[in-house]
Amino acid sequence: MGNPISTSQAAEVFAARLPRKPSRSAINRWINRGTRGIKLDARRLPGGEWATSEEAINKFLEECAALAQPVTNSTTADEQKRWETLNT
């Protein structure tokens, strides 16, 4: 893991790559449970806070985008927007 950043700082890094800034609870969920089998790499700091890195965030987003399914004609507009968001 590269330079450690807090979950608040991580939200700002995510905001640069996603349509909107995720909440700290979403980031904690990605650390603890993951999404679609992919977890955000992070370490516990003394005091119980989580720290991740920009490198871990980039890897997490790349792995999520790799799992994105191609858009089909039967996909709704909302589903298509979500898939396009993951691939940007």
Protein backbone atom coordinates (compact mmCIF):
# COMPACT_ATOMS: atom_id res chain seq x y z
CA MET A 1 0.00 0.00 0.00
CA GLY A 2 1.32 3.46 -0.93
CA ASN A 3 1.01 6.62 1.13
CA PRO A 4 -1.82 6.09 3.62
CA ILE A 5 -4.86 8.37 3.38
CA SER A 6 -7.94 8.54 5.60
CA THR A 7 -11.40 7.51 4.45
CA SER A 8 -12.33 11.21 4.24
CA GLN A 9 -9.39 11.84 1.93
CA ALA A 10 -10.26 8.68 0.01
CA ALA A 11 -13.75 10.08 -0.63
CA GLU A 12 -12.13 13.05 -2.39
CA VAL A 13 -10.00 10.72 -4.55
CA PHE A 14 -13.09 8.70 -5.48
CA ALA A 15 -14.98 11.94 -6.26
CA ALA A 16 -12.43 12.76 -8.95
CA ARG A 17 -13.18 9.45 -10.70
CA LEU A 18 -16.91 8.94 -10.01
CA PRO A 19 -19.98 11.09 -10.75
CA ARG A 20 -20.37 11.91 -7.05
CA LYS A 21 -18.41 11.63 -3.84
CA PRO A 22 -19.09 8.41 -1.89
CA SER A 23 -19.87 8.59 1.81
CA ARG A 24 -17.37 7.42 4.40
CA SER A 25 -19.77 4.58 5.24
CA ALA A 26 -19.69 3.42 1.60
CA ILE A 27 -15.90 3.41 1.69
CA ASN A 28 -15.93 1.48 4.98
CA ARG A 29 -18.36 -1.01 3.39
CA TRP A 30 -16.02 -1.47 0.39
CA ILE A 31 -13.16 -2.11 2.85
CA ASN A 32 -15.05 -4.57 5.06
CA ARG A 33 -17.47 -6.36 2.73
CA GLY A 34 -16.44 -5.27 -0.73
CA THR A 35 -18.66 -5.14 -3.76
CA ARG A 36 -19.12 -7.97 -6.27
CA GLY A 37 -16.31 -9.86 -4.54
CA ILE A 38 -13.82 -6.97 -4.71
CA LYS A 39 -12.57 -5.28 -1.54
CA LEU A 40 -10.79 -1.96 -1.17
CA ASP A 41 -7.34 -2.61 0.32
CA ALA A 42 -6.89 -0.77 3.62
CA ARG A 43 -5.12 -1.01 6.95
CA ARG A 44 -6.32 -0.24 10.48
CA LEU A 45 -4.54 2.67 12.12
CA PRO A 46 -3.92 2.96 15.85
CA GLY A 47 -7.17 4.28 17.25
CA GLY A 48 -9.34 2.18 14.93
CA GLU A 49 -9.52 4.40 11.84
CA TRP A 50 -9.01 2.91 8.38
CA ALA A 51 -6.34 4.10 5.96
CA THR A 52 -6.10 3.24 2.27
CA SER A 53 -4.06 4.66 -0.61
CA GLU A 54 -4.61 6.19 -4.03
CA GLU A 55 -3.00 3.09 -5.53
CA ALA A 56 -5.49 0.84 -3.71
CA ILE A 57 -8.38 3.04 -4.88
CA ASN A 58 -7.20 2.90 -8.50
CA LYS A 59 -6.86 -0.90 -8.31
CA PHE A 60 -10.33 -1.21 -6.74
CA LEU A 61 -11.94 0.92 -9.47
CA GLU A 62 -10.11 -0.93 -12.25
CA GLU A 63 -11.22 -4.31 -10.90
CA CYS A 64 -14.82 -3.10 -10.57
CA ALA A 65 -14.77 -1.77 -14.12
CA ALA A 66 -13.38 -5.07 -15.42
CA LEU A 67 -16.45 -6.84 -14.02
CA ALA A 68 -18.86 -4.43 -15.67
CA GLN A 69 -21.14 -6.17 -18.12
CA PRO A 70 -21.57 -4.77 -21.62
CA VAL A 71 -24.75 -2.81 -22.16
CA THR A 72 -27.49 -4.68 -24.06
CA ASN A 73 -30.64 -3.40 -25.74
CA SER A 74 -32.75 -4.67 -22.85
CA THR A 75 -30.78 -2.64 -20.29
CA THR A 76 -32.64 0.27 -18.75
CA ALA A 77 -31.25 3.79 -18.97
CA ASP A 78 -30.37 3.77 -15.24
CA GLU A 79 -28.48 0.49 -15.55
CA GLN A 80 -26.63 1.77 -18.60
CA LYS A 81 -25.62 4.95 -16.73
CA ARG A 82 -24.26 2.87 -13.80
CA TRP A 83 -22.15 0.69 -16.13
CA GLU A 84 -20.82 3.75 -17.97
CA THR A 85 -19.89 5.31 -14.62
CA LEU A 86 -17.82 2.28 -13.66
CA ASN A 87 -15.97 2.34 -16.98
CA THR A 88 -14.88 5.97 -16.77
